[in-house]
Protein backbone atom coordinates (compact mmCIF):
# COMPACT_ATOMS: atom_id res chain seq x y z
CA ASP A 1 -8.28 -13.00 3.37
CA LYS A 2 -11.81 -14.24 2.72
CA TYR A 3 -10.50 -17.70 1.84
CA CYS A 4 -8.35 -17.80 4.98
CA GLN A 5 -11.32 -16.86 7.15
CA GLU A 6 -13.41 -19.61 5.56
CA LEU A 7 -10.62 -22.11 6.15
CA LYS A 8 -10.37 -21.06 9.78
CA ASN A 9 -14.13 -21.32 10.29
CA ASN A 10 -14.36 -24.71 8.58
CA PHE A 11 -11.12 -26.21 9.82
CA GLY A 12 -12.69 -28.63 12.32
CA SER A 13 -15.30 -29.76 9.80
CA CYS A 14 -12.59 -30.25 7.16
CA LEU A 15 -10.69 -32.61 9.47
CA ARG A 16 -13.84 -34.55 10.31
CA VAL A 17 -14.98 -34.92 6.68
CA ALA A 18 -11.50 -35.93 5.54
CA GLU A 19 -11.41 -38.67 8.16
CA GLU A 20 -14.92 -39.86 7.27
CA ARG A 21 -14.15 -40.01 3.54
CA LEU A 22 -10.99 -42.03 4.16
CA GLN A 23 -12.95 -44.49 6.30
CA ASP A 24 -15.66 -44.73 3.60
CA LEU A 25 -13.06 -45.52 0.95
CA LEU A 26 -11.62 -48.25 3.20
CA GLU A 27 -14.98 -49.82 4.07
CA ASP A 28 -16.38 -49.66 0.52
CA HIS A 29 -13.22 -51.24 -0.91
CA THR A 30 -13.38 -48.48 -3.56
CA LEU A 31 -9.63 -48.45 -4.13
CA GLU A 32 -9.01 -52.19 -4.19
CA GLY A 33 -8.82 -52.23 -7.99
CA VAL A 34 -6.45 -49.26 -8.19
CA THR A 35 -2.94 -50.33 -9.11
CA ASP A 36 0.03 -48.39 -7.78
CA LEU A 37 -2.08 -46.19 -5.51
CA THR A 38 -0.02 -43.07 -4.94
CA MET A 39 -0.50 -40.03 -2.73
CA ASN A 40 -1.65 -37.92 -5.67
CA LYS A 41 -4.14 -40.57 -6.85
CA LEU A 42 -5.61 -40.77 -3.36
CA SER A 43 -5.76 -36.99 -3.07
CA GLN A 44 -7.65 -36.78 -6.37
CA VAL A 45 -10.15 -39.46 -5.26
CA LEU A 46 -10.78 -37.50 -2.05
CA LYS A 47 -11.28 -34.29 -4.05
CA ASP A 48 -13.83 -36.03 -6.26
CA THR A 49 -15.82 -37.29 -3.27
CA CYS A 50 -15.58 -34.01 -1.35
CA SER A 51 -16.75 -32.00 -4.35
CA GLN A 52 -20.14 -33.68 -3.93
CA LEU A 53 -20.75 -32.23 -0.45
CA ALA A 54 -23.98 -30.25 -0.10
CA ASP A 55 -22.18 -27.42 1.74
CA GLU A 56 -20.49 -25.65 -1.18
CA SER A 57 -18.32 -23.45 1.06
CA LEU A 58 -17.03 -26.45 3.00
CA SER A 59 -16.55 -28.42 -0.22
CA ALA A 60 -14.53 -25.62 -1.85
CA VAL A 61 -12.29 -25.11 1.16
CA LEU A 62 -11.70 -28.84 1.67
CA CYS A 63 -10.90 -29.48 -2.01
CA SER A 64 -8.43 -26.60 -2.04
CA CYS A 65 -6.71 -27.94 1.10
CA LEU A 66 -6.11 -31.44 -0.23
CA PRO A 67 -2.47 -31.51 -1.32
CA SER A 68 -0.76 -32.22 -4.61
CA PHE A 69 2.63 -33.82 -4.13
CA PRO A 70 5.77 -33.29 -6.22
CA SER A 71 7.04 -36.34 -8.07
CA GLU A 72 9.72 -37.11 -5.48
CA ALA A 73 7.09 -37.17 -2.69
CA ASP A 74 4.33 -38.97 -4.62
CA TRP A 75 4.88 -42.21 -2.74
CA THR A 76 3.08 -45.47 -3.52
CA LEU A 77 0.85 -46.70 -0.67
CA LYS A 78 1.61 -50.37 -0.04
CA ASP A 79 -0.91 -50.78 2.79
CA PHE A 80 -3.94 -48.52 2.42
CA THR A 81 -5.59 -49.88 5.59
CA GLN A 82 -2.58 -49.00 7.71
CA PHE A 83 -2.41 -45.56 6.09
CA VAL A 84 -6.09 -44.83 6.91
CA ARG A 85 -5.61 -45.93 10.53
CA PHE A 86 -2.61 -43.66 10.88
CA CYS A 87 -4.46 -40.69 9.30
CA SER A 88 -7.48 -41.25 11.56
CA VAL A 89 -5.32 -41.11 14.67
CA GLU A 90 -3.57 -37.95 13.52
CA LEU A 91 -6.77 -36.19 12.41
CA GLN A 92 -8.51 -37.05 15.69
CA ARG A 93 -5.51 -35.72 17.59
CA TYR A 94 -5.74 -32.43 15.68
CA ARG A 95 -9.46 -32.19 16.41
CA SER A 96 -9.04 -32.96 20.12
CA ASP A 97 -6.70 -29.98 20.48
CA MET A 98 -8.80 -27.74 18.28
CA ARG A 99 -8.02 -24.38 19.91
CA GLN A 100 -4.26 -24.84 19.69
CA THR A 101 -4.57 -26.16 16.15
CA GLU A 102 -6.66 -23.12 15.12
CA LEU A 103 -4.04 -20.77 16.54
CA THR A 104 -1.27 -22.62 14.71
CA VAL A 105 -3.17 -22.54 11.42
CA GLU A 106 -4.02 -18.85 11.91
CA ARG A 107 -0.40 -17.94 12.56
CA ARG A 108 0.74 -19.91 9.53
CA MET A 109 -1.90 -18.25 7.35
CA GLU A 110 -0.98 -14.78 8.60
CA SER A 111 2.71 -15.47 8.00
CA GLU A 112 2.02 -16.77 4.49
CA LEU A 113 -0.26 -13.83 3.68
CA THR A 114 2.41 -11.39 4.86
CA ARG A 115 5.01 -13.08 2.68
CA GLN A 116 2.72 -13.13 -0.37
CA LYS A 117 1.75 -9.48 0.09
CA SER A 118 5.42 -8.53 0.39
CA ASP A 119 6.33 -10.46 -2.76
CA PHE A 120 3.36 -8.97 -4.60
CA TRP A 121 4.33 -5.43 -3.60
CA LYS A 122 7.92 -6.01 -4.71
CA CYS A 123 6.58 -7.16 -8.07
CA ILE A 124 4.46 -4.00 -8.38
CA SER A 125 7.01 -1.49 -7.08
CA GLY A 126 10.06 -2.97 -8.85
CA CYS A 127 13.64 -2.13 -7.97
CA PRO A 128 13.80 0.41 -5.08
CA ALA A 129 17.21 1.86 -6.04
CA ARG A 130 17.36 5.58 -6.84
CA CYS A 131 19.77 7.56 -9.00
CA PRO A 132 22.60 8.92 -6.79
CA GLY A 133 22.36 12.20 -8.69
CA CYS A 134 18.71 13.14 -9.00
CA GLY A 135 16.96 10.47 -6.93
CA THR A 136 14.81 9.10 -9.78
CA LYS A 137 13.71 5.51 -9.14
CA CYS A 138 15.23 2.62 -11.12
CA ASN A 139 12.79 1.41 -13.80
CA LEU A 140 13.72 -2.27 -13.68
CA GLU A 141 11.18 -4.77 -12.33
CA SER A 142 13.41 -6.76 -9.97
CA GLU A 143 15.80 -5.53 -7.31
CA ASN A 144 18.17 -8.48 -7.81
CA HIS A 145 19.45 -7.59 -11.29
CA TRP A 146 22.98 -6.47 -10.34
CA PRO A 147 25.69 -7.29 -11.46
CA GLU A 148 24.15 -8.86 -14.58
CA ARG A 149 22.49 -5.52 -15.33
CA PRO A 150 23.03 -2.10 -13.72
CA HIS A 151 20.28 0.19 -12.45
CA GLU A 152 18.60 2.28 -15.10
CA CYS A 153 16.25 5.31 -15.27
CA ARG A 154 14.48 6.31 -18.46
CA ARG A 155 14.07 9.89 -17.20
CA HIS A 156 16.28 12.01 -14.95
CA VAL A 157 15.60 15.33 -13.21
CA TYR A 158 17.48 18.17 -11.51
CA PRO A 159 19.72 16.90 -8.65
CA ALA A 160 18.20 19.64 -6.46
CA PHE A 161 15.11 17.42 -6.17
CA ASN A 162 17.38 14.93 -4.38
CA GLY A 163 18.86 17.57 -2.05
CA TRP A 164 22.08 18.37 -3.94
CA GLN A 165 23.33 21.92 -3.37
CA LYS A 166 26.09 24.13 -4.71
CA GLN A 167 29.10 24.20 -2.42
CA GLU A 168 29.13 27.99 -2.37
CA GLY A 169 26.02 29.46 -0.84
CA ARG A 170 24.20 26.09 -0.51
CA LYS A 171 21.88 27.05 -3.36
CA PRO A 172 19.93 24.34 -5.25
CA PHE A 173 21.76 22.37 -7.93
CA LEU A 174 19.63 23.17 -11.00
CA LEU A 175 21.46 21.44 -13.80
CA HIS A 176 19.85 18.43 -15.43
CA CYS A 177 21.26 15.12 -14.15
CA ARG A 178 22.51 14.33 -17.69
CA ALA A 179 24.09 17.73 -18.36
CA ARG A 180 27.84 17.51 -18.95
CA ALA A 181 28.50 20.33 -16.49
CA GLN A 182 26.71 18.33 -13.79
CA TRP A 183 29.09 15.41 -14.32
CA GLN A 184 32.19 17.65 -14.18
CA ILE A 185 31.48 19.30 -10.82
CA ALA A 186 33.27 17.98 -7.73
CA ARG A 187 31.14 16.25 -5.08
CA THR A 188 31.40 16.22 -1.31
CA ARG A 189 29.50 14.35 1.37
CA PRO A 190 29.66 14.36 5.18
CA PRO A 191 32.02 11.87 6.84
CA ILE A 192 30.77 8.35 7.41
CA GLU A 193 31.82 8.47 11.08
CA ALA A 194 31.76 11.44 13.44
CA GLY A 195 35.06 13.27 13.36
CA GLY A 196 36.13 11.57 10.13
CA PRO A 197 37.23 13.36 6.96
CA GLU A 198 34.68 14.79 4.56
CA ARG A 199 34.27 12.60 1.49
CA TYR A 200 35.36 14.20 -1.77
CA TRP A 201 35.25 13.21 -5.45
CA GLU A 202 36.60 15.28 -8.31
CA ASN A 203 33.51 14.61 -10.45
CA PHE A 204 30.22 12.65 -10.56
CA GLN A 205 31.78 9.72 -12.44
CA ALA A 206 34.36 9.27 -9.67
CA MET A 207 31.60 9.24 -7.03
CA LEU A 208 29.67 6.59 -8.95
CA GLU A 209 32.75 4.39 -9.37
CA ASP A 210 33.52 4.67 -5.65
CA GLU A 211 30.09 4.40 -4.01
CA HIS A 212 27.57 3.42 -6.69
CA PRO A 213 29.17 1.04 -9.24
CA ASP A 214 25.77 -0.64 -9.67
CA TRP A 215 24.73 2.40 -11.74
CA LEU A 216 27.55 1.83 -14.23
CA ASP A 217 28.12 -0.78 -16.92
CA PRO A 218 29.96 -3.59 -15.06
CA VAL A 219 32.35 -4.08 -18.01
CA THR A 220 33.13 -0.57 -19.24
CA ARG A 221 32.51 1.22 -15.90
CA PHE A 222 30.72 3.97 -17.85
CA PRO A 223 27.08 5.06 -17.56
CA LEU A 224 24.38 3.53 -19.76
CA SER A 225 23.06 5.46 -22.73
CA SER A 226 19.98 6.44 -20.71
CA MET A 227 22.21 8.14 -18.12
CA GLU A 228 25.29 9.36 -20.01
CA PRO A 229 25.88 13.14 -20.06
CA LEU A 230 24.98 14.98 -23.26
CA GLU A 231 25.56 18.54 -24.44
CA GLU A 232 21.86 18.81 -25.37
CA TYR A 233 20.94 18.75 -21.65
CA GLU A 234 22.98 21.87 -20.86
CA GLU A 235 20.86 24.79 -19.67
CA ASP A 236 22.22 27.11 -22.37
CA CYS A 237 21.97 24.65 -25.26
CA GLU A 238 20.16 26.36 -28.15
CA ASN A 239 19.70 23.41 -30.50
CA ALA A 240 18.41 20.69 -28.15
CA PRO A 241 15.89 18.26 -29.69
CA GLU A 242 12.27 18.98 -28.92
CA GLU A 243 11.87 16.06 -26.50
CA ILE A 244 14.92 17.14 -24.47
CA GLN A 245 13.81 20.77 -24.39
CA LYS A 246 10.39 19.60 -23.20
CA GLU A 247 12.11 17.61 -20.44
CA ILE A 248 14.05 20.69 -19.35
CA ASP A 249 10.84 22.75 -19.32
CA GLU A 250 9.11 20.11 -17.18
CA ASN A 251 11.99 20.22 -14.67
CA ARG A 252 11.87 24.01 -14.47
CA ARG A 253 8.10 24.01 -14.03
CA ALA A 254 8.33 21.37 -11.30
CA TRP A 255 11.03 23.27 -9.41
CA ALA A 256 9.26 26.63 -9.72
CA ASN A 257 6.09 25.15 -8.22
CA CYS A 258 7.66 22.87 -5.59
CA LYS A 259 10.70 24.80 -4.38
CA ASP A 260 9.13 26.45 -1.30
CA ALA A 261 8.12 23.05 0.11
CA LEU A 262 11.45 21.44 -0.90
CA LEU A 263 13.43 24.22 0.80
CA GLU A 264 11.55 23.37 4.00
CA HIS A 265 12.39 19.68 3.52
CA PHE A 266 16.09 20.20 2.70
CA THR A 267 16.83 22.44 5.69
CA SER A 268 20.44 23.24 4.72
CA MET A 269 19.47 24.36 1.20
CA ALA A 270 19.30 28.11 0.54
CA ASP A 271 16.83 29.80 -1.77
CA ASP A 272 18.00 31.21 -5.10
CA PRO A 273 15.45 33.87 -6.04
CA ASP A 274 17.56 35.14 -8.96
CA ILE A 275 16.82 32.19 -11.24
CA PRO A 276 15.58 33.89 -14.44
CA TRP A 277 12.86 31.39 -15.36
CA LEU A 278 11.13 31.03 -11.98
CA GLU A 279 8.24 33.43 -12.61
CA LYS A 280 7.68 32.12 -16.13
CA TYR A 281 6.89 28.59 -14.91
CA LYS A 282 5.25 29.28 -11.55
CA ARG A 283 1.49 28.67 -11.44
CA GLU A 284 -0.49 31.21 -9.47
CA GLY A 285 -2.55 29.42 -6.84
CA GLY A 286 -1.15 26.02 -7.79
CA ALA A 287 2.38 26.10 -6.36
CA LEU A 288 3.23 24.27 -3.15
CA LYS A 289 3.70 26.37 -0.03
CA LYS A 290 6.15 25.98 2.85
CA ALA A 291 3.45 24.35 4.96
CA ASP A 292 2.96 21.64 2.31
């Protein structure tokens, strides 16, 4: 933004200096001995002369504005005198309509800044896709990786965090997203159009194949190893590895301390106060409240 403001402030001076330097090169016959004078050679000569300006801010902005041309556009100048005359006319025309030119440059800069900020944020945030079960964000860096590579999450959570509820009683769905039982339960969703039939799938795999194939291996149509259901993620598993048991504990602690606020967010979800581990994991004074 600072650079763009400097360019805007110095734009008229940049045009004037560029015209003057071109005229100087023509009058001094500086480029007469240059063979095959191309656009890039001329641009470099102008950068060298402009870098010697006493005004460092103007010099920096002007040097950064002088273009570098790709090989297919790096034309050879057959008549340097004619080129300078043409440039002088065009630069003077820009300067004579300074206000309109400033607005045009400002709009172009704002548009380019918006595009660059958007691209930069996409690079930081990565793929925006979320697991259809638990809502965990895809860990891949780019959103355009399907179908070469499906979405992937290194960690999954309880589907209740994504609003999933048991069909009977509308209580929260507190099975880990990778628990086998979670994959075996039938799924329903409201109709796509008003008055249409309710959508139904006999299990989670069927729902993924129908609505979210980008979360499955495009060849086998099965989930990746980081998503596949395992017995060790069952709530009653007694021999789960330490890292999986720790993951289960973290999910329970998160639900125990966030459930009041989540029940306010998911308005159709009913409370389930009979969960045996709620009090064990709830932090006194640290849990979210309904108002949160």
